[in-house]
Amino acid sequence: MSETQTEESNVEVLQQQTASEDGEIGLSDKQLTDFHGNYARRKSDMDEVRGEMGALIKDFEEQGGHKAAFKLACKLKAMEDSKAQDFLRSLKRYCQVFGVFDQSDMFETQQIAAE
């Protein structure tokens, strides 16, 4: 049997194994509608939680918080210590190479001079 014939027979076997009672390939109608019902409920729950999170973040920002800095700090807090240290070492190097902190030093010097 050639490789192409073997692949074709494998596809036929797979189709036979996945055929539902009504001859359709894949999920049965009941499985599909059950899945859709569960999916729709969970998506609705996620949408509700996203709305609550959005309101929470909005309140945080209105009180002076910085959303991106907070999210990064939460991400770092959740990391293992060694991974967090590696991340911070890399971030520091990248910021140095890209000159990210060069201008911030200039603003701090101007601020001290103004005082």
C-alpha atoms as a PDB file:
ATOM      1  CA  MET A   1       0.000   0.000   0.000  1.00  0.00           C
ATOM      2  CA  SER A   2       1.433   3.389  -0.972  1.00  0.00           C
ATOM      3  CA  GLU A   3       1.793   6.305   1.429  1.00  0.00           C
ATOM      4  CA  THR A   4      -1.094   8.176  -0.254  1.00  0.00           C
ATOM      5  CA  GLN A   5      -3.396   5.145   0.049  1.00  0.00           C
ATOM      6  CA  THR A   6      -2.442   4.779   3.724  1.00  0.00           C
ATOM      7  CA  GLU A   7      -3.248   8.441   4.375  1.00  0.00           C
ATOM      8  CA  GLU A   8      -6.604   8.099   2.586  1.00  0.00           C
ATOM      9  CA  SER A   9      -7.549   5.010   4.588  1.00  0.00           C
ATOM     10  CA  ASN A  10      -6.511   6.790   7.813  1.00  0.00           C
ATOM     11  CA  VAL A  11      -8.839   9.666   6.892  1.00  0.00           C
ATOM     12  CA  GLU A  12     -11.686   7.205   6.216  1.00  0.00           C
ATOM     13  CA  VAL A  13     -11.148   5.493   9.574  1.00  0.00           C
ATOM     14  CA  LEU A  14     -11.114   8.857  11.335  1.00  0.00           C
ATOM     15  CA  GLN A  15     -14.332   9.893   9.570  1.00  0.00           C
ATOM     16  CA  GLN A  16     -16.028   6.658  10.568  1.00  0.00           C
ATOM     17  CA  GLN A  17     -14.906   7.055  14.186  1.00  0.00           C
ATOM     18  CA  THR A  18     -16.189  10.621  14.397  1.00  0.00           C
ATOM     19  CA  ALA A  19     -19.479  10.106  12.577  1.00  0.00           C
ATOM     20  CA  SER A  20     -22.524  10.754  14.757  1.00  0.00           C
ATOM     21  CA  GLU A  21     -25.686   8.650  14.852  1.00  0.00           C
ATOM     22  CA  ASP A  22     -27.308  10.684  12.078  1.00  0.00           C
ATOM     23  CA  GLY A  23     -24.347  10.197   9.736  1.00  0.00           C
ATOM     24  CA  GLU A  24     -22.879  13.665  10.177  1.00  0.00           C
ATOM     25  CA  ILE A  25     -19.130  13.919  10.682  1.00  0.00           C
ATOM     26  CA  GLY A  26     -17.985  15.499  13.962  1.00  0.00           C
ATOM     27  CA  LEU A  27     -20.247  16.553  16.797  1.00  0.00           C
ATOM     28  CA  SER A  28     -23.869  15.484  16.919  1.00  0.00           C
ATOM     29  CA  ASP A  29     -26.539  18.177  16.778  1.00  0.00           C
ATOM     30  CA  LYS A  30     -27.174  17.749  20.516  1.00  0.00           C
ATOM     31  CA  GLN A  31     -23.471  18.019  21.352  1.00  0.00           C
ATOM     32  CA  LEU A  32     -23.215  21.145  19.225  1.00  0.00           C
ATOM     33  CA  THR A  33     -26.250  22.850  20.775  1.00  0.00           C
ATOM     34  CA  ASP A  34     -25.132  21.870  24.308  1.00  0.00           C
ATOM     35  CA  PHE A  35     -21.689  23.302  23.641  1.00  0.00           C
ATOM     36  CA  HIS A  36     -23.197  26.493  22.233  1.00  0.00           C
ATOM     37  CA  GLY A  37     -25.390  26.944  25.324  1.00  0.00           C
ATOM     38  CA  ASN A  38     -22.426  26.509  27.672  1.00  0.00           C
ATOM     39  CA  TYR A  39     -20.273  28.811  25.526  1.00  0.00           C
ATOM     40  CA  ALA A  40     -22.905  31.557  25.412  1.00  0.00           C
ATOM     41  CA  ARG A  41     -23.400  31.455  29.208  1.00  0.00           C
ATOM     42  CA  ARG A  42     -19.678  31.627  29.911  1.00  0.00           C
ATOM     43  CA  LYS A  43     -19.162  34.408  27.379  1.00  0.00           C
ATOM     44  CA  SER A  44     -21.917  36.392  29.059  1.00  0.00           C
ATOM     45  CA  ASP A  45     -20.241  35.831  32.446  1.00  0.00           C
ATOM     46  CA  MET A  46     -16.907  36.991  31.005  1.00  0.00           C
ATOM     47  CA  ASP A  47     -18.487  40.115  29.538  1.00  0.00           C
ATOM     48  CA  GLU A  48     -19.990  40.938  32.944  1.00  0.00           C
ATOM     49  CA  VAL A  49     -16.655  40.469  34.728  1.00  0.00           C
ATOM     50  CA  ARG A  50     -14.867  42.561  32.083  1.00  0.00           C
ATOM     51  CA  GLY A  51     -17.314  45.371  32.778  1.00  0.00           C
ATOM     52  CA  GLU A  52     -16.674  45.131  36.515  1.00  0.00           C
ATOM     53  CA  MET A  53     -12.902  45.085  35.954  1.00  0.00           C
ATOM     54  CA  GLY A  54     -13.189  48.116  33.681  1.00  0.00           C
ATOM     55  CA  ALA A  55     -15.048  50.041  36.390  1.00  0.00           C
ATOM     56  CA  LEU A  56     -12.477  48.973  38.987  1.00  0.00           C
ATOM     57  CA  ILE A  57      -9.563  50.134  36.805  1.00  0.00           C
ATOM     58  CA  LYS A  58     -11.346  53.400  35.985  1.00  0.00           C
ATOM     59  CA  ASP A  59     -11.763  54.105  39.713  1.00  0.00           C
ATOM     60  CA  PHE A  60      -8.083  53.223  40.277  1.00  0.00           C
ATOM     61  CA  GLU A  61      -7.000  55.681  37.570  1.00  0.00           C
ATOM     62  CA  GLU A  62      -9.310  58.423  38.871  1.00  0.00           C
ATOM     63  CA  GLN A  63      -7.583  58.081  42.234  1.00  0.00           C
ATOM     64  CA  GLY A  64      -4.206  58.682  40.539  1.00  0.00           C
ATOM     65  CA  GLY A  65      -3.156  55.125  39.716  1.00  0.00           C
ATOM     66  CA  HIS A  66      -1.328  54.204  36.523  1.00  0.00           C
ATOM     67  CA  LYS A  67      -3.053  51.239  34.868  1.00  0.00           C
ATOM     68  CA  ALA A  68      -0.124  49.922  32.794  1.00  0.00           C
ATOM     69  CA  ALA A  69       2.341  50.211  35.697  1.00  0.00           C
ATOM     70  CA  PHE A  70      -0.120  48.442  37.996  1.00  0.00           C
ATOM     71  CA  LYS A  71      -0.681  45.601  35.527  1.00  0.00           C
ATOM     72  CA  LEU A  72       3.073  45.162  35.073  1.00  0.00           C
ATOM     73  CA  ALA A  73       3.605  45.134  38.846  1.00  0.00           C
ATOM     74  CA  CYS A  74       0.879  42.471  39.203  1.00  0.00           C
ATOM     75  CA  LYS A  75       2.512  40.406  36.471  1.00  0.00           C
ATOM     76  CA  LEU A  76       5.884  40.645  38.238  1.00  0.00           C
ATOM     77  CA  LYS A  77       4.330  39.755  41.600  1.00  0.00           C
ATOM     78  CA  ALA A  78       2.844  36.598  40.095  1.00  0.00           C
ATOM     79  CA  MET A  79       6.195  35.471  38.626  1.00  0.00           C
ATOM     80  CA  GLU A  80       8.629  33.154  40.348  1.00  0.00           C
ATOM     81  CA  ASP A  81      11.490  35.144  41.898  1.00  0.00           C
ATOM     82  CA  SER A  82      14.118  33.938  39.424  1.00  0.00           C
ATOM     83  CA  LYS A  83      11.904  34.746  36.433  1.00  0.00           C
ATOM     84  CA  ALA A  84      11.029  38.172  37.843  1.00  0.00           C
ATOM     85  CA  GLN A  85      14.715  38.971  38.410  1.00  0.00           C
ATOM     86  CA  ASP A  86      15.560  37.861  34.874  1.00  0.00           C
ATOM     87  CA  PHE A  87      12.717  39.994  33.514  1.00  0.00           C
ATOM     88  CA  LEU A  88      13.865  43.059  35.475  1.00  0.00           C
ATOM     89  CA  ARG A  89      17.520  42.621  34.410  1.00  0.00           C
ATOM     90  CA  SER A  90      16.415  42.398  30.790  1.00  0.00           C
ATOM     91  CA  LEU A  91      14.068  45.360  31.096  1.00  0.00           C
ATOM     92  CA  LYS A  92      16.801  47.508  32.653  1.00  0.00           C
ATOM     93  CA  ARG A  93      19.225  46.619  29.858  1.00  0.00           C
ATOM     94  CA  TYR A  94      16.676  47.282  27.122  1.00  0.00           C
ATOM     95  CA  CYS A  95      15.769  50.642  28.631  1.00  0.00           C
ATOM     96  CA  GLN A  96      19.456  51.576  28.842  1.00  0.00           C
ATOM     97  CA  VAL A  97      20.121  50.571  25.224  1.00  0.00           C
ATOM     98  CA  PHE A  98      17.045  52.438  23.987  1.00  0.00           C
ATOM     99  CA  GLY A  99      17.822  55.522  26.084  1.00  0.00           C
ATOM    100  CA  VAL A 100      14.483  55.333  27.873  1.00  0.00           C
ATOM    101  CA  PHE A 101      15.807  56.882  31.086  1.00  0.00           C
ATOM    102  CA  ASP A 102      18.049  59.497  29.432  1.00  0.00           C
ATOM    103  CA  GLN A 103      15.302  62.120  29.228  1.00  0.00           C
ATOM    104  CA  SER A 104      13.863  61.347  32.651  1.00  0.00           C
ATOM    105  CA  ASP A 105      17.219  62.331  34.220  1.00  0.00           C
ATOM    106  CA  MET A 106      17.049  65.624  32.354  1.00  0.00           C
ATOM    107  CA  PHE A 107      13.566  66.376  33.728  1.00  0.00           C
ATOM    108  CA  GLU A 108      14.627  65.524  37.281  1.00  0.00           C
ATOM    109  CA  THR A 109      17.618  67.907  36.985  1.00  0.00           C
ATOM    110  CA  GLN A 110      15.351  70.699  35.694  1.00  0.00           C
ATOM    111  CA  GLN A 111      12.911  70.069  38.519  1.00  0.00           C
ATOM    112  CA  ILE A 112      15.660  70.284  41.196  1.00  0.00           C
ATOM    113  CA  ALA A 113      17.015  73.492  39.610  1.00  0.00           C
ATOM    114  CA  ALA A 114      13.543  75.063  39.652  1.00  0.00           C
ATOM    115  CA  GLU A 115      13.128  74.343  43.345  1.00  0.00           C
END
